Protein backbone atom coordinates (compact mmCIF):
# COMPACT_ATOMS: atom_id res chain seq x y z
CA MET A 1 112.52 107.38 101.60
CA ARG A 2 112.44 110.96 100.38
CA THR A 3 109.04 111.99 99.05
CA PRO A 4 109.55 115.40 97.42
CA GLY A 5 106.50 116.96 95.85
CA LEU A 6 103.99 114.90 97.83
CA PHE A 7 101.50 117.48 99.08
CA VAL A 8 98.56 117.35 101.46
CA ARG A 9 95.58 119.17 100.00
CA GLY A 10 92.86 118.00 102.37
CA ILE A 11 92.45 116.37 105.77
CA GLY A 12 89.34 115.11 107.51
CA VAL A 13 88.60 113.28 110.73
CA ARG A 14 85.64 111.71 112.44
CA VAL A 15 86.02 111.13 116.17
CA ALA A 16 83.14 109.36 117.89
CA ASP A 17 81.44 110.64 121.03
CA ARG A 18 83.63 110.22 124.09
CA VAL A 19 82.94 108.23 127.23
CA PRO A 20 84.71 109.51 130.38
CA VAL A 21 87.18 106.97 131.73
CA GLU A 22 85.89 107.54 135.24
CA ASP A 23 82.49 106.30 134.06
CA ALA A 24 84.13 103.21 132.55
CA VAL A 25 85.90 102.50 135.85
CA ALA A 26 82.65 102.96 137.79
CA ALA A 27 80.90 100.56 135.41
CA GLY A 28 83.61 97.93 135.89
CA TRP A 29 84.78 98.06 132.28
CA TYR A 30 88.25 99.40 133.09
CA ASP A 31 90.58 98.78 136.00
CA ALA A 32 91.20 101.86 138.19
CA ASP A 33 94.94 101.17 138.51
CA GLU A 34 95.27 100.80 134.74
CA ALA A 35 93.34 104.03 134.21
CA GLU A 36 95.71 105.87 136.53
CA ALA A 37 98.77 104.40 134.80
CA THR A 38 97.63 105.17 131.26
CA GLY A 39 96.25 108.62 132.03
CA PHE A 40 93.36 108.31 129.59
CA VAL A 41 90.64 110.87 130.25
CA SER A 42 87.98 109.66 127.82
CA ILE A 43 87.58 107.16 125.00
CA ALA A 44 85.79 107.69 121.68
CA ILE A 45 83.05 105.09 121.24
CA ALA A 46 80.87 105.08 118.12
CA GLY A 47 78.14 102.69 119.21
CA ASP A 48 76.57 101.11 116.14
CA GLU A 49 77.99 103.60 113.62
CA SER A 50 79.99 101.37 111.30
CA ALA A 51 83.67 101.80 110.51
CA PRO A 52 82.93 102.34 106.79
CA ASP A 53 80.50 105.15 107.70
CA LEU A 54 83.14 106.71 109.95
CA ALA A 55 85.54 106.47 107.01
CA LEU A 56 83.00 108.01 104.66
CA SER A 57 82.50 110.99 106.97
CA ALA A 58 86.23 111.69 107.24
CA ALA A 59 86.72 111.19 103.49
CA ARG A 60 83.95 113.63 102.60
CA THR A 61 85.50 116.27 104.84
CA ALA A 62 88.96 115.76 103.36
CA LEU A 63 87.70 115.85 99.76
CA GLY A 64 85.53 118.89 100.43
CA ARG A 65 88.42 120.79 101.99
CA ALA A 66 90.68 119.85 99.07
CA GLY A 67 88.05 120.80 96.51
CA VAL A 68 88.50 117.39 94.90
CA PRO A 69 85.48 115.41 93.68
CA GLY A 70 85.63 111.68 94.24
CA ARG A 71 85.39 110.90 90.54
CA SER A 72 88.65 112.81 89.86
CA LEU A 73 90.75 110.68 92.20
CA SER A 74 93.35 108.34 90.76
CA HIS A 75 93.68 106.09 93.83
CA LEU A 76 91.79 105.26 97.01
CA PHE A 77 93.49 103.44 99.89
CA HIS A 78 91.25 102.16 102.68
CA ILE A 79 92.98 101.16 105.92
CA ASP A 80 91.56 99.26 108.86
CA VAL A 81 92.82 97.27 111.82
CA TYR A 82 89.74 95.30 112.84
CA HIS A 83 86.77 93.86 110.97
CA SER A 84 84.89 96.57 109.06
CA GLY A 85 81.79 94.76 107.87
CA PRO A 86 80.51 91.47 106.47
CA GLU A 87 83.16 88.79 105.94
CA GLY A 88 84.19 88.60 102.29
CA TRP A 89 83.06 92.18 101.58
CA CYS A 90 85.37 95.06 100.64
CA PRO A 91 84.74 98.37 102.44
CA TYR A 92 86.66 100.38 99.87
CA ALA A 93 83.91 99.62 97.33
CA TYR A 94 81.39 101.17 99.75
CA LEU A 95 83.46 104.35 99.72
CA GLN A 96 83.70 104.26 95.94
CA ARG A 97 79.93 104.01 95.59
CA ASN A 98 79.19 106.79 98.07
CA LEU A 99 81.95 109.13 96.87
CA ASP A 100 81.13 108.77 93.15
CA ALA A 101 84.55 107.17 92.66
CA ALA A 102 83.62 103.98 90.85
CA ASP A 103 86.37 104.30 88.23
CA VAL A 104 89.12 104.98 90.77
CA PHE A 105 91.69 102.30 91.54
CA ALA A 106 90.90 101.28 95.10
CA THR A 107 92.34 98.75 97.49
CA GLY A 108 92.49 97.85 101.16
CA ILE A 109 95.51 97.92 103.45
CA ARG A 110 95.87 95.80 106.58
CA GLN A 111 99.14 96.76 108.27
CA GLY A 112 98.04 97.08 111.87
CA CYS A 113 98.36 100.49 113.45
CA ASN A 114 100.93 101.58 110.85
CA GLY A 115 98.68 101.22 107.83
CA MET A 116 98.60 104.94 107.12
CA PHE A 117 102.38 104.99 106.66
CA GLY A 118 102.18 102.13 104.20
CA ALA A 119 99.48 104.02 102.33
CA LEU A 120 101.69 107.13 102.20
CA LEU A 121 104.44 105.18 100.47
CA LEU A 122 102.02 103.57 98.03
CA ALA A 123 100.40 106.92 97.26
CA ASP A 124 103.78 108.54 96.63
CA ALA A 125 104.63 105.87 94.05
CA ALA A 126 101.14 105.91 92.51
CA LEU A 127 101.00 109.66 92.03
CA ARG A 128 104.29 109.65 90.13
CA VAL A 129 102.72 107.85 87.17
CA VAL A 130 99.40 109.70 86.81
CA PRO A 131 98.62 113.21 85.56
CA THR A 132 99.61 115.89 88.08
CA ASP A 133 96.03 117.04 88.50
CA ARG A 134 94.97 113.69 90.00
CA SER A 135 94.83 112.98 93.72
CA ALA A 136 94.90 110.02 96.08
CA LEU A 137 92.57 109.52 99.03
CA LEU A 138 93.88 107.71 102.10
CA VAL A 139 91.39 106.89 104.84
CA ALA A 140 91.82 104.83 108.01
CA ALA A 141 88.81 103.89 110.14
CA ASP A 142 87.77 101.41 112.81
CA ASN A 143 84.94 100.64 115.20
CA PHE A 144 86.20 98.24 117.87
CA GLY A 145 82.82 97.73 119.52
CA GLY A 146 79.98 95.36 118.83
CA SER A 147 81.92 92.10 119.13
CA PRO A 148 82.08 89.74 122.12
CA LEU A 149 85.51 88.73 120.83
CA LEU A 150 87.19 92.07 121.59
CA ASP A 151 87.18 94.05 124.83
CA ARG A 152 88.39 97.52 123.85
CA TRP A 153 89.36 98.28 127.46
CA ARG A 154 91.48 95.20 128.14
CA CYS A 155 92.59 93.60 124.87
CA ASN A 156 95.91 95.46 124.58
CA PRO A 157 98.03 96.40 127.64
CA GLY A 158 98.71 100.12 127.88
CA LEU A 159 96.09 100.97 125.26
CA VAL A 160 92.35 101.43 124.96
CA MET A 161 90.91 100.92 121.48
CA ALA A 162 88.79 103.82 120.24
CA ASP A 163 86.51 104.48 117.27
CA GLY A 164 86.99 107.04 114.54
CA ALA A 165 88.58 107.83 111.20
CA GLY A 166 91.22 110.00 109.58
CA ALA A 167 91.59 110.87 105.90
CA LEU A 168 94.16 112.63 103.72
CA VAL A 169 93.97 113.88 100.14
CA LEU A 170 97.43 113.83 98.55
CA SER A 171 98.52 115.34 95.25
CA ARG A 172 101.50 116.46 93.18
CA GLU A 173 99.88 119.87 93.01
CA ALA A 174 100.85 122.27 95.79
CA GLY A 175 98.96 121.92 99.04
CA PHE A 176 99.07 123.36 102.54
CA ALA A 177 101.62 120.78 103.71
CA GLU A 178 104.27 118.53 102.20
CA ILE A 179 105.24 114.99 103.15
CA LEU A 180 109.05 115.17 103.16
CA SER A 181 109.95 111.59 104.03
CA VAL A 182 108.33 108.25 104.90
CA SER A 183 109.97 105.03 106.00
CA SER A 184 109.58 101.90 108.11
CA VAL A 185 111.58 99.03 109.57
CA THR A 186 110.45 95.63 110.84
CA LEU A 187 112.04 93.67 113.66
CA ALA A 188 111.00 90.34 112.18
CA GLU A 189 112.51 88.39 115.07
CA LEU A 190 109.64 89.76 117.17
CA GLU A 191 106.96 88.62 114.68
CA GLY A 192 105.59 86.18 117.25
CA LEU A 193 104.97 88.86 119.88
CA HIS A 194 101.45 89.57 118.65
CA ARG A 195 100.83 85.89 117.81
CA GLY A 196 101.93 84.12 120.99
CA ASP A 197 101.04 80.43 120.91
CA THR A 198 98.00 80.98 118.69
CA PRO A 199 98.01 78.52 115.72
CA LEU A 200 97.99 80.04 112.26
CA PHE A 201 95.17 77.72 111.19
CA PRO A 202 92.31 77.74 111.54
CA PRO A 203 92.06 81.50 112.16
CA ASP A 204 91.16 82.04 115.82
CA MET A 205 88.34 84.43 114.89
CA THR A 206 86.54 81.60 113.12
CA LEU A 207 86.70 79.61 116.35
CA GLY A 208 85.16 82.38 118.41
CA GLN A 209 88.32 83.10 120.42
CA ARG A 210 88.75 86.48 122.09
CA LEU A 211 91.61 88.78 121.12
CA ASP A 212 93.97 89.16 124.09
CA PHE A 213 97.34 90.66 123.23
CA GLY A 214 98.39 90.62 126.88
CA ALA A 215 98.12 86.83 126.95
CA ARG A 216 99.99 86.54 123.64
CA PHE A 217 102.80 88.79 124.90
CA ALA A 218 103.13 86.58 127.98
CA GLU A 219 103.21 83.41 125.84
CA PHE A 220 105.90 84.90 123.63
CA ALA A 221 108.01 85.86 126.64
CA SER A 222 107.62 82.50 128.39
CA SER A 223 108.73 80.65 125.27
CA GLY A 224 111.96 82.64 125.16
CA GLY A 225 110.91 84.87 122.29
CA PHE A 226 112.70 87.89 123.68
CA GLY A 227 116.42 87.53 123.05
CA THR A 228 118.99 89.07 125.34
CA ASN A 229 119.33 92.06 123.02
CA SER A 230 115.68 92.49 121.94
CA GLY A 231 115.13 95.67 123.94
CA LEU A 232 118.39 97.19 122.75
CA ARG A 233 117.63 96.23 119.16
CA PHE A 234 114.26 97.96 119.36
CA VAL A 235 115.76 101.16 120.74
CA GLN A 236 118.51 101.12 118.11
CA GLN A 237 116.12 100.52 115.22
CA PHE A 238 113.68 103.12 116.52
CA GLY A 239 116.46 105.70 116.76
CA ALA A 240 117.93 104.76 113.39
CA LEU A 241 114.55 105.15 111.71
CA VAL A 242 114.07 108.59 113.24
CA ASP A 243 117.57 109.62 112.13
CA GLN A 244 116.82 108.43 108.59
CA LEU A 245 113.50 110.27 108.42
CA LEU A 246 115.02 113.51 109.66
CA ASP A 247 118.07 113.23 107.40
CA GLU A 248 115.90 112.63 104.34
CA ALA A 249 113.69 115.57 105.34
CA GLY A 250 116.75 117.78 105.77
CA ILE A 251 116.06 118.75 109.39
CA LYS A 252 117.30 117.94 112.88
CA LEU A 253 115.30 116.67 115.84
CA ASP A 254 115.37 120.05 117.59
CA GLU A 255 113.64 121.54 114.53
CA VAL A 256 110.65 119.22 115.04
CA ASP A 257 107.82 121.17 116.64
CA ARG A 258 105.57 118.23 117.54
CA VAL A 259 105.86 114.44 117.61
CA LEU A 260 102.64 112.56 116.77
CA PHE A 261 102.66 109.02 118.15
CA ASN A 262 100.10 106.27 118.67
CA HIS A 263 97.44 107.35 121.18
CA ALA A 264 98.76 105.00 123.84
CA GLY A 265 98.87 105.37 127.60
CA ARG A 266 101.28 107.80 129.22
CA GLU A 267 103.79 105.20 130.39
CA LEU A 268 103.94 103.49 127.00
CA VAL A 269 104.44 106.76 125.11
CA GLU A 270 107.13 107.90 127.53
CA ASP A 271 108.89 104.54 127.16
CA ARG A 272 108.81 104.59 123.36
CA LEU A 273 109.84 108.25 122.98
CA GLY A 274 112.25 108.26 125.93
CA PRO A 275 115.38 107.61 123.82
CA LEU A 276 114.52 110.69 121.74
CA ASP A 277 114.41 112.85 124.88
CA VAL A 278 111.10 114.31 123.69
CA PRO A 279 108.83 115.45 126.54
CA LEU A 280 105.09 114.81 126.36
CA THR A 281 104.55 118.56 125.94
CA ARG A 282 106.10 118.26 122.46
CA THR A 283 103.70 115.49 121.49
CA THR A 284 99.97 115.16 120.95
CA TRP A 285 99.63 112.77 123.89
CA GLU A 286 97.41 115.06 125.95
CA TYR A 287 94.88 115.31 123.14
CA GLY A 288 95.17 111.60 122.37
CA SER A 289 94.41 110.80 126.02
CA THR A 290 90.92 112.21 125.46
CA ILE A 291 90.28 109.91 122.48
CA GLY A 292 92.10 106.58 122.81
CA HIS A 293 93.87 104.51 120.17
CA VAL A 294 92.01 104.80 116.86
CA GLY A 295 93.95 102.13 114.99
CA ALA A 296 95.86 103.61 112.04
CA ALA A 297 94.16 107.01 112.25
CA ASP A 298 95.88 108.43 115.35
CA GLN A 299 98.53 110.51 113.60
CA VAL A 300 96.06 112.04 111.12
CA ILE A 301 93.68 112.90 113.96
CA GLY A 302 96.56 114.54 115.82
CA PHE A 303 97.61 116.46 112.70
CA ASP A 304 94.09 117.79 112.22
CA HIS A 305 93.98 118.86 115.88
CA LEU A 306 97.23 120.80 115.58
CA LEU A 307 95.87 122.62 112.53
CA ASP A 308 92.55 123.40 114.20
CA THR A 309 94.20 124.76 117.34
CA GLY A 310 96.71 126.92 115.46
CA VAL A 311 99.74 124.99 116.71
CA ALA A 312 100.71 123.78 113.23
CA VAL A 313 101.43 127.02 111.40
CA PRO A 314 103.48 127.67 108.25
CA GLY A 315 107.02 126.49 108.86
CA THR A 316 106.04 123.88 111.46
CA HIS A 317 107.69 120.46 111.21
CA LEU A 318 105.85 117.39 112.45
CA LEU A 319 107.35 113.97 113.10
CA LEU A 320 104.77 111.20 112.83
CA LEU A 321 105.73 107.87 114.41
CA GLY A 322 104.02 104.57 115.05
CA VAL A 323 104.72 101.07 116.34
CA GLY A 324 102.60 98.10 115.32
CA PRO A 325 102.63 94.31 114.91
CA GLY A 326 105.55 92.93 113.00
CA VAL A 327 107.12 94.42 115.10
CA ASN A 328 106.98 97.34 112.67
CA ILE A 329 108.21 100.87 113.34
CA ALA A 330 107.15 103.53 110.85
CA GLY A 331 107.22 107.28 110.49
CA ALA A 332 106.99 110.37 108.33
CA VAL A 333 108.06 114.01 108.42
CA VAL A 334 105.56 116.70 107.43
CA ARG A 335 106.21 120.40 106.83
CA VAL A 336 103.30 122.83 107.04
CA LEU A 337 103.60 125.30 104.15
CA ALA A 338 100.55 127.49 104.58
CA ALA A 339 97.43 127.90 106.65
CA PRO A 340 94.79 125.59 105.16
CA PRO A 341 91.90 127.44 103.48
CA TRP A 342 89.42 126.26 106.14
CA ALA A 343 91.60 127.28 109.11
CA PRO A 344 89.81 129.49 111.70
């Protein structure tokens, strides 16, 4: 989907303190062979700092950089992957109260690791029907610690779950970057991959069952869930989505300066991006390997890093991609128009 006139006016991140992977291996939290295969250097772990407080920190930075007070927002989209607070409570209301945004339309998005892309599409539509001086805040945050039902080091093969947040302020008024296209595709025949043999009711969390995607993947495979063409279908759909995004943005793949993908392990990233023939040096993998997989915030965190380090300069094109449960593949193309006002 083309998204002309959708500008980024502010960006903010909050990355928790990092624990060296070698310390995690020494403590017995993480397997040494897995650490070598993934290539993670350190993982961001927030301790008892809540996900909503991580979100609030990133949101304040993004709003401050954009010069947009919370009360002037038209929309607020809060994205999370895991539980963000008391059951039955809405974290977006916490942000509204603390950002003086009580009259803003706010809602939560639960779309796995691709929630930020869903929010981009919703924000694009929302900002078309409000005055041009209004803005939308998108913030993704998670803290995967504190629960005996999730082991951040072992719950998802090829990944380590990390804590942090990323926020964007979008507007129809000119900003330092423009979102040129956003799209997604779902391979619904692989819906059961992240479910395995787990019953839909009652929810396993209410029964005190641990989250183990590795076990679910194995259950899905053993039940014949992978068809003979599943791998080919994934590669074809992944490539088709990238072609669509680039075509709608009006650029070619060799004009993309950096690819921002989920902060997964080296082997997983190389496997996913292999068909694009994009080397890791053209991605943000090296930086992501010092943080871990921060749910739906990875691509925003990578974007902020490229701005801070002077890699994303005016004229730079960024291709943001993600794969999540569904199986859903999503992406966006961003063009940097100017150095942000806060740039060093």
